[in-house]
Protein backbone atom coordinates (compact mmCIF):
# COMPACT_ATOMS: atom_id res chain seq x y z
CA MET A 1 261.84 184.09 243.77
CA ALA A 2 262.39 180.62 242.35
CA SER A 3 265.96 180.46 243.64
CA HIS A 4 264.84 181.22 247.18
CA CYS A 5 262.14 178.53 247.16
CA LEU A 6 264.21 175.73 245.63
CA LEU A 7 263.65 173.19 248.40
CA HIS A 8 259.96 174.01 248.57
CA ALA A 9 259.66 173.02 244.92
CA HIS A 10 261.27 169.60 245.60
CA PRO A 11 259.56 167.67 248.44
CA SER A 12 262.26 164.97 248.42
CA ALA A 13 264.84 167.55 249.53
CA ALA A 14 263.94 166.78 253.14
CA SER A 15 265.78 163.48 252.97
CA VAL A 16 268.81 164.31 250.80
CA ASN A 17 271.87 166.54 250.95
CA LEU A 18 271.23 170.21 250.18
CA LYS A 19 274.08 170.16 247.62
CA ALA A 20 271.89 168.01 245.36
CA PHE A 21 269.97 171.16 244.44
CA GLY A 22 272.97 173.27 243.49
CA VAL A 23 272.79 175.25 246.73
CA PRO A 24 275.97 175.62 248.82
CA GLU A 25 275.58 173.65 252.01
CA PRO A 26 277.55 175.34 254.80
CA ASP A 27 278.61 173.56 257.93
CA PHE A 28 276.35 175.02 260.65
CA ALA A 29 279.03 174.63 263.28
CA ASP A 30 281.49 176.65 261.14
CA ILE A 31 278.94 179.40 260.55
CA GLN A 32 277.61 179.77 264.06
CA GLY A 33 280.42 178.83 266.40
CA SER A 34 279.20 179.71 269.88
CA ARG A 35 276.58 182.24 268.79
CA ARG A 36 273.12 181.91 267.26
CA ALA A 37 273.09 182.17 263.48
CA LYS A 38 271.55 185.13 261.68
CA ILE A 39 269.02 184.47 258.96
CA TRP A 40 271.44 185.53 256.19
CA ASP A 41 273.97 183.02 257.54
CA LEU A 42 271.59 180.14 256.73
CA THR A 43 271.46 178.56 253.29
CA THR A 44 268.95 180.39 251.08
CA SER A 45 267.02 177.16 250.52
CA LEU A 46 265.72 177.48 254.09
CA HIS A 47 264.51 181.08 253.80
CA CYS A 48 261.20 180.19 252.09
CA SER A 49 260.14 177.80 254.88
CA ILE A 50 261.31 180.19 257.63
CA VAL A 51 259.37 183.19 256.27
CA GLY A 52 256.27 181.08 255.51
CA THR A 53 256.25 179.22 258.85
CA CYS A 54 257.65 181.59 261.46
CA LEU A 55 255.80 184.79 260.45
CA THR A 56 252.12 185.23 259.58
CA SER A 57 251.05 187.22 256.50
CA ALA A 58 249.73 190.00 258.78
CA GLU A 59 253.06 190.22 260.65
CA LEU A 60 255.01 190.27 257.38
CA ARG A 61 252.78 193.02 256.00
CA GLN A 62 253.28 195.16 259.14
CA PHE A 63 257.03 194.58 258.93
CA PHE A 64 257.30 196.02 255.41
CA ILE A 65 254.88 198.86 256.23
CA ARG A 66 257.12 199.89 259.14
CA PHE A 67 260.16 199.53 256.91
CA GLY A 68 258.62 202.08 254.54
CA ASP A 69 257.50 199.93 251.59
CA SER A 70 254.68 201.96 249.98
CA ASN A 71 253.20 198.90 248.25
CA ALA A 72 253.04 196.68 251.36
CA ARG A 73 249.46 197.64 252.27
CA THR A 74 247.99 196.43 248.96
CA ALA A 75 250.45 193.66 248.06
CA THR A 76 249.16 190.07 247.87
CA ASP A 77 250.26 187.54 250.50
CA HIS A 78 252.32 185.76 247.83
CA ASN A 79 254.18 188.96 246.87
CA LEU A 80 254.83 189.75 250.55
CA HIS A 81 256.23 186.24 250.98
CA GLY A 82 258.61 186.82 248.07
CA LEU A 83 259.78 190.12 249.56
CA GLY A 84 260.42 188.39 252.88
CA VAL A 85 262.45 185.59 251.28
CA ARG A 86 264.63 188.07 249.40
CA ALA A 87 265.17 190.18 252.53
CA ALA A 88 266.23 187.06 254.47
CA SER A 89 269.26 186.53 252.24
CA ARG A 90 270.62 190.03 252.81
CA GLY A 91 272.83 191.09 255.70
CA ASP A 92 271.99 194.79 255.29
CA ASP A 93 269.49 196.88 257.28
CA ILE A 94 266.34 195.06 256.08
CA GLY A 95 267.88 191.64 256.74
CA LYS A 96 268.92 192.67 260.25
CA ARG A 97 265.47 194.06 260.98
CA LEU A 98 263.85 190.86 259.73
CA ASN A 99 266.14 188.76 261.96
CA LYS A 100 265.30 191.00 264.92
CA ALA A 101 261.56 190.67 264.23
CA LEU A 102 261.84 186.88 264.22
CA ASP A 103 263.84 186.89 267.48
CA LYS A 104 261.30 189.17 269.16
CA ARG A 105 258.34 187.14 267.86
CA HIS A 106 259.73 183.87 269.28
CA GLU A 107 261.73 185.19 272.24
CA THR A 108 260.17 182.80 274.77
CA THR A 109 260.84 179.71 272.64
CA ILE A 110 264.42 180.81 271.88
CA ARG A 111 265.17 181.03 275.62
CA ARG A 112 263.79 177.53 276.11
CA PHE A 113 265.90 176.08 273.28
CA GLN A 114 269.06 177.89 274.47
CA LYS A 115 269.22 175.45 277.37
CA ALA A 116 269.94 172.59 274.93
CA THR A 117 273.63 171.71 274.71
CA GLY A 118 273.72 169.47 271.64
CA PRO A 119 271.80 168.01 268.68
CA THR A 120 270.29 165.22 270.84
CA GLU A 121 268.64 167.64 273.25
CA LEU A 122 267.56 169.87 270.37
CA ARG A 123 266.00 166.88 268.58
CA ALA A 124 264.06 165.95 271.77
CA LEU A 125 262.74 169.53 272.17
CA TRP A 126 261.69 169.59 268.51
CA ALA A 127 259.86 166.23 268.81
CA GLN A 128 257.95 167.52 271.84
CA SER A 129 256.97 170.75 270.05
CA LEU A 130 255.92 168.84 266.92
CA GLU A 131 253.65 166.57 268.96
CA GLN A 132 251.99 169.60 270.58
CA GLY A 133 251.48 171.36 267.22
CA ASP A 134 253.85 174.20 268.19
CA ILE A 135 255.90 174.67 265.01
CA ALA A 136 256.80 178.30 264.25
CA GLY A 137 258.87 179.28 267.31
CA PRO A 138 260.73 175.97 267.72
CA TYR A 139 261.57 175.93 263.97
CA TRP A 140 263.29 179.34 264.14
CA ALA A 141 264.95 178.62 267.51
CA LEU A 142 266.41 175.30 266.28
CA LEU A 143 267.67 176.51 262.88
CA THR A 144 269.62 179.36 264.51
CA HIS A 145 270.89 177.37 267.51
CA PRO A 146 274.70 177.05 267.71
CA SER A 147 274.46 173.25 268.21
CA ALA A 148 272.20 172.56 265.21
CA ASP A 149 274.15 170.44 262.71
CA THR A 150 273.30 169.87 259.04
CA LYS A 151 271.68 166.46 259.60
CA LEU A 152 269.33 167.81 262.26
CA VAL A 153 268.40 170.85 260.11
CA GLN A 154 267.54 168.53 257.20
CA GLU A 155 265.34 166.37 259.45
CA VAL A 156 263.48 169.37 260.87
CA PHE A 157 263.04 170.90 257.43
CA GLY A 158 261.56 167.60 256.22
CA ASP A 159 259.09 167.54 259.13
CA VAL A 160 257.87 171.08 258.35
CA HIS A 161 257.65 170.37 254.64
CA MET A 162 255.54 167.21 255.09
CA LEU A 163 253.36 168.91 257.71
CA SER A 164 252.33 171.50 255.11
CA HIS A 165 251.10 168.66 252.87
CA GLN A 166 249.20 167.00 255.72
CA VAL A 167 247.50 170.24 256.73
CA GLY A 168 246.46 170.89 253.14
CA ALA A 169 244.98 167.39 252.81
CA ALA A 170 243.01 167.75 256.07
CA ALA A 171 241.70 171.15 255.00
CA ARG A 172 240.50 169.73 251.68
CA LEU A 173 238.56 166.98 253.47
CA ASP A 174 236.87 169.51 255.78
CA ILE A 175 235.94 171.72 252.84
CA ALA A 176 234.43 168.73 251.03
CA GLN A 177 232.35 167.90 254.11
CA LEU A 178 231.12 171.50 254.36
CA ARG A 179 230.11 171.52 250.70
CA ARG A 180 228.22 168.25 251.17
CA LEU A 181 226.31 169.71 254.14
CA GLU A 182 225.44 172.83 252.15
CA ARG A 183 224.15 170.69 249.28
CA GLU A 184 222.02 168.62 251.67
CA LEU A 185 220.59 171.80 253.18
CA ARG A 186 219.59 173.11 249.75
CA GLU A 187 217.94 169.79 248.88
CA ARG A 188 216.05 169.82 252.20
CA ASP A 189 214.81 173.37 251.59
CA ASP A 190 213.55 172.38 248.12
CA LYS A 191 211.74 169.37 249.58
CA ILE A 192 210.04 171.51 252.24
CA ALA A 193 208.96 174.04 249.59
CA ARG A 194 207.40 171.26 247.49
CA GLN A 195 205.57 169.86 250.53
CA GLU A 196 204.15 173.28 251.41
CA ALA A 197 202.96 173.76 247.82
CA ARG A 198 201.14 170.39 247.89
CA LEU A 199 199.53 171.24 251.24
CA GLN A 200 198.26 174.56 249.95
CA THR A 201 196.82 172.90 246.83
CA GLY A 202 195.07 170.23 248.94
CA ALA A 203 193.56 172.86 251.25
CA ALA A 204 192.25 174.87 248.29
CA GLU A 205 190.66 171.73 246.76
CA ARG A 206 189.00 170.84 250.06
CA GLU A 207 187.54 174.33 250.48
CA ALA A 208 186.25 174.36 246.90
CA LEU A 209 184.59 170.96 247.45
CA ARG A 210 182.84 172.10 250.62
CA GLN A 211 181.50 175.22 248.89
CA SER A 212 180.21 173.11 246.00
CA LEU A 213 178.41 170.72 248.36
CA ASP A 214 176.83 173.59 250.33
CA GLN A 215 175.57 175.20 247.13
CA SER A 216 174.07 171.89 245.95
CA LEU A 217 172.20 171.41 249.25
CA ILE A 218 170.87 174.97 249.16
CA ALA A 219 169.63 174.47 245.59
CA VAL A 220 167.91 171.19 246.51
CA ALA A 221 166.24 172.73 249.55
CA SER A 222 165.02 175.63 247.44
CA ARG A 223 163.56 173.28 244.82
CA ASN A 224 161.83 171.20 247.47
CA ALA A 225 160.18 174.29 248.96
CA SER A 226 158.88 175.55 245.62
CA ASP A 227 157.71 172.15 244.39
CA ALA A 228 156.08 170.86 247.60
CA ALA A 229 152.81 170.21 245.80
CA ASP A 230 154.46 168.63 242.77
CA PRO A 231 153.58 164.98 242.22
CA ALA A 232 157.27 164.32 241.51
CA ILE A 233 158.30 165.23 245.09
CA GLU A 234 159.56 161.70 245.66
CA THR A 235 161.99 162.15 242.80
CA PHE A 236 163.42 165.25 244.45
CA ALA A 237 163.62 163.47 247.79
CA ALA A 238 165.60 160.69 246.15
CA ARG A 239 167.92 163.25 244.60
CA VAL A 240 168.49 164.85 248.02
CA THR A 241 169.36 161.42 249.42
CA VAL A 242 171.90 160.90 246.65
CA LEU A 243 173.42 164.32 247.24
CA GLU A 244 173.67 163.74 250.99
CA LYS A 245 175.46 160.46 250.35
CA GLU A 246 177.83 162.20 247.96
CA ARG A 247 178.45 164.88 250.58
CA ALA A 248 179.22 162.23 253.20
CA ASP A 249 181.68 160.57 250.81
CA GLU A 250 183.33 163.88 250.06
CA SER A 251 183.53 164.64 253.80
CA VAL A 252 185.40 161.39 254.31
CA ARG A 253 187.74 162.31 251.47
CA ALA A 254 188.22 165.81 252.90
CA SER A 255 189.04 164.34 256.33
CA ALA A 256 191.65 162.08 254.76
CA ILE A 257 193.19 165.07 252.94
CA GLU A 258 193.23 167.07 256.19
CA GLN A 259 194.95 164.19 258.01
CA ARG A 260 197.62 163.98 255.31
CA TRP A 261 198.02 167.73 255.52
CA ARG A 262 198.62 167.60 259.26
CA LEU A 263 201.13 164.77 258.83
CA ALA A 264 202.92 166.81 256.18
CA GLU A 265 202.99 169.85 258.51
CA THR A 266 204.54 167.69 261.24
CA GLN A 267 207.16 166.41 258.79
CA ARG A 268 207.83 169.96 257.65
CA ASP A 269 208.43 171.14 261.23
CA LYS A 270 210.69 168.16 261.85
CA SER A 271 212.63 168.90 258.67
CA ALA A 272 212.96 172.57 259.65
CA ASN A 273 214.44 171.56 263.02
CA GLU A 274 216.90 169.23 261.28
CA VAL A 275 217.89 172.03 258.91
CA ALA A 276 218.51 174.35 261.86
CA GLU A 277 220.66 171.72 263.60
CA LEU A 278 222.65 171.05 260.43
CA THR A 279 223.17 174.79 259.97
CA LEU A 280 224.53 175.17 263.51
CA GLU A 281 226.78 172.14 263.03
CA MET A 282 228.07 173.51 259.72
CA ARG A 283 228.90 176.87 261.32
CA ALA A 284 230.68 175.11 264.20
CA LEU A 285 232.69 173.00 261.74
CA ARG A 286 233.67 176.10 259.77
CA ARG A 287 234.85 177.89 262.91
CA GLU A 288 236.77 174.84 264.17
CA LEU A 289 238.45 174.45 260.77
CA LEU A 290 239.56 178.08 260.87
CA VAL A 291 240.83 177.69 264.44
CA LEU A 292 242.86 174.59 263.49
CA GLU A 293 244.44 176.40 260.53
CA LEU A 294 245.33 179.35 262.76
CA ALA A 295 246.69 177.05 265.49
CA ILE A 296 248.97 175.24 263.01
CA ALA A 297 250.37 178.56 261.80
CA ASN A 298 250.75 179.70 265.45
CA GLU A 299 248.08 182.36 264.82
CA THR A 300 246.35 184.09 267.73
CA GLY A 301 243.34 185.61 266.02
CA PRO A 302 242.46 188.67 263.88
CA THR A 303 244.50 191.01 266.08
CA SER A 304 248.23 191.05 266.57
CA GLU A 305 247.92 190.59 270.35
CA PRO A 306 249.64 187.32 271.43
CA LEU A 307 247.33 184.67 272.88
CA GLU A 308 249.65 184.39 275.89
CA THR A 309 248.43 187.78 277.14
CA LYS A 310 244.81 186.65 276.95
CA LEU A 311 245.32 183.43 278.96
CA ALA A 312 248.09 184.65 281.29
CA GLY A 313 247.35 183.14 284.70
CA ALA A 314 243.93 181.75 283.65
CA LYS A 315 242.80 178.48 285.27
CA ILE A 316 240.30 176.37 283.34
CA LEU A 317 238.64 173.17 284.57
CA TYR A 318 237.84 170.57 281.87
CA VAL A 319 235.31 167.93 283.05
CA GLY A 320 234.60 164.72 281.09
CA GLY A 321 236.08 164.14 277.64
CA ARG A 322 238.63 161.55 276.53
CA PRO A 323 241.50 160.89 278.98
CA LYS A 324 243.96 160.36 276.10
CA LEU A 325 243.36 163.99 275.04
CA PHE A 326 243.95 165.57 278.49
CA GLU A 327 247.70 165.98 278.08
CA GLN A 328 247.31 167.68 274.68
CA LEU A 329 244.73 170.09 276.12
CA LYS A 330 246.97 170.86 279.10
CA ALA A 331 249.96 171.44 276.82
CA TYR A 332 247.93 173.76 274.59
CA VAL A 333 246.73 175.93 277.50
CA SER A 334 250.13 175.85 279.23
CA ALA A 335 251.90 177.00 276.06
CA ARG A 336 249.64 180.03 276.07
CA GLY A 337 250.22 181.02 279.67
CA GLY A 338 247.23 179.29 281.27
CA VAL A 339 246.63 176.28 283.54
CA LEU A 340 244.22 173.44 282.70
CA LEU A 341 242.72 171.33 285.48
CA ALA A 342 241.07 168.07 284.44
CA HIS A 343 238.45 165.70 285.91
CA ASP A 344 237.04 162.73 284.00
CA GLY A 345 233.50 163.28 285.35
CA GLY A 346 233.55 160.41 287.85
CA ILE A 347 234.83 157.45 285.82
CA ASP A 348 238.15 157.12 287.66
CA ASP A 349 238.34 160.47 289.45
CA ASN A 350 236.36 160.89 292.68
CA PRO A 351 233.24 163.10 292.11
CA ALA A 352 233.84 164.58 295.57
CA LEU A 353 236.87 166.41 294.12
CA LEU A 354 234.70 168.53 291.79
CA PRO A 355 233.75 171.34 294.27
CA GLY A 356 237.40 171.96 295.15
CA LEU A 357 238.52 171.98 291.51
CA ILE A 358 235.68 174.28 290.46
CA SER A 359 236.51 176.72 293.28
CA GLN A 360 240.10 176.94 291.95
CA ALA A 361 239.11 177.53 288.31
CA GLY A 362 238.14 180.77 286.66
CA ALA A 363 235.82 178.93 284.24
CA VAL A 364 234.55 175.37 283.66
CA MET A 365 234.10 173.55 280.33
CA PHE A 366 232.72 170.11 279.47
CA PRO A 367 231.99 168.31 276.13
CA VAL A 368 228.30 167.41 275.88
CA ASP A 369 229.03 164.26 273.86
CA CYS A 370 231.47 162.74 276.36
CA ILE A 371 230.12 163.33 279.89
CA SER A 372 227.36 161.61 281.86
CA HIS A 373 224.10 163.47 282.45
CA SER A 374 224.56 163.31 286.21
CA ALA A 375 228.12 164.67 286.03
CA ALA A 376 227.02 167.58 283.80
CA GLU A 377 224.17 168.46 286.18
CA GLN A 378 226.53 168.30 289.16
CA VAL A 379 228.97 170.69 287.42
CA LYS A 380 226.17 173.17 286.64
CA LYS A 381 224.83 173.02 290.20
CA ILE A 382 228.24 173.63 291.80
CA CYS A 383 229.07 176.44 289.33
CA ARG A 384 225.79 178.22 290.15
CA ARG A 385 226.48 177.91 293.88
CA LEU A 386 230.06 179.21 293.57
CA GLY A 387 229.27 181.82 290.90
CA LYS A 388 231.59 180.24 288.32
CA PRO A 389 230.90 180.46 284.56
CA TRP A 390 230.49 177.14 282.75
CA THR A 391 230.50 176.40 279.03
CA PRO A 392 229.28 173.24 277.22
CA LEU A 393 231.47 172.27 274.24
CA ARG A 394 230.06 170.76 271.03
CA SER A 395 232.32 167.70 271.19
CA ALA A 396 235.28 166.19 273.06
CA SER A 397 237.70 167.25 270.33
CA LEU A 398 240.75 169.49 270.43
CA ALA A 399 239.12 171.67 267.75
CA SER A 400 236.01 172.42 269.88
CA PHE A 401 238.20 173.26 272.88
CA VAL A 402 240.53 175.53 270.88
CA ALA A 403 237.55 177.24 269.20
CA ARG A 404 236.15 178.19 272.62
CA ILE A 405 239.51 179.22 274.08
CA THR A 406 240.21 181.49 271.10
CA ALA A 407 236.73 183.05 271.20
CA ASP A 408 236.81 186.81 270.79
CA PRO A 409 236.09 188.33 273.20
CA LEU A 410 237.25 185.83 275.80
CA PRO A 411 235.01 185.30 278.87
CA GLN A 412 235.80 187.93 281.50
CA ALA A 413 236.44 185.17 284.03
CA LEU A 414 239.33 183.85 281.94
CA ILE A 415 240.87 187.28 281.47
CA LEU A 416 240.76 188.05 285.21
CA ALA A 417 241.39 184.52 286.53
């Protein structure tokens, strides 16, 4: 396994000659000639990155199950990766099947790259794919292209290698943020529990005080009735006056306690609402993080069905958001067989264009944090009139958009659009 993952163990290999690692460095032009290279033709130092980038763990597991490996169903992802790397270096039946699986998986991208006639055009196609976050298919199509020379392969390998580090760093930051939110939620729950305990104690004290005062007044009244003829009646009357004053003082104190109780209840309700909002935000962040990880690995979801079949022919209208992000959103939808229409909500685009755009779209989406109130209401009104589904997005980010697009199940309007 170590010999197949040599370059992966040395990040600096992206910028140096492959011979520095004791691995024969063939001339790609000599190997390929006018045909696409097979995976066993490539230097073994590339097999680790090809298997890890161009096939998902689920696809690799299904490959070995179909090949007849009895341990494939229970093997760990790491062990499956090792099996894939070893199979890549062999030109026998398993190596040929693996090469065929990669070609079939990325058939559309291979056809697009076949139009390139030299390293310059290949480099331009790769740069465009890298900017759009489309890595797996272009990586395989470029490495096996007849015009890919050693220098270009080293550059592309370096891009993929460094991208894995960047993705890992971003994932760690998101995980840290999620853990911080969870800790804040636990602290808020503890605070609410303490407030409720203090409120209950205050209510019990107030009730006990009222009962004590009522009993004192009843006792005084009873004594006054039985001792009406007693010469010391004035003494009892004075005592009653004192008790009434004490009761009035205690009533004031009880009112103050009740007011604090009500304020605490209001704060508790406010805190509960904040906890609910933080919980929803945390769940949204978790989903968006998962969607980003799947998008980077060219995943399509928990099933093996390609995303292209879900968005084939779908037209989506995106209203509002950040203009600088429009092209990325369009490229993302286009790469998956759909069409994205965009309108900035009336900043530069004419609001009168909205009815026509909405009538063309199968569904309408808009980010609630980057659209005017009037534009959002106009979109909802037109969608209701035309019978079009509309969806508010949590934010004007690529992650929120991708999370909605990859929702399972997809809105029926998108499937049939």
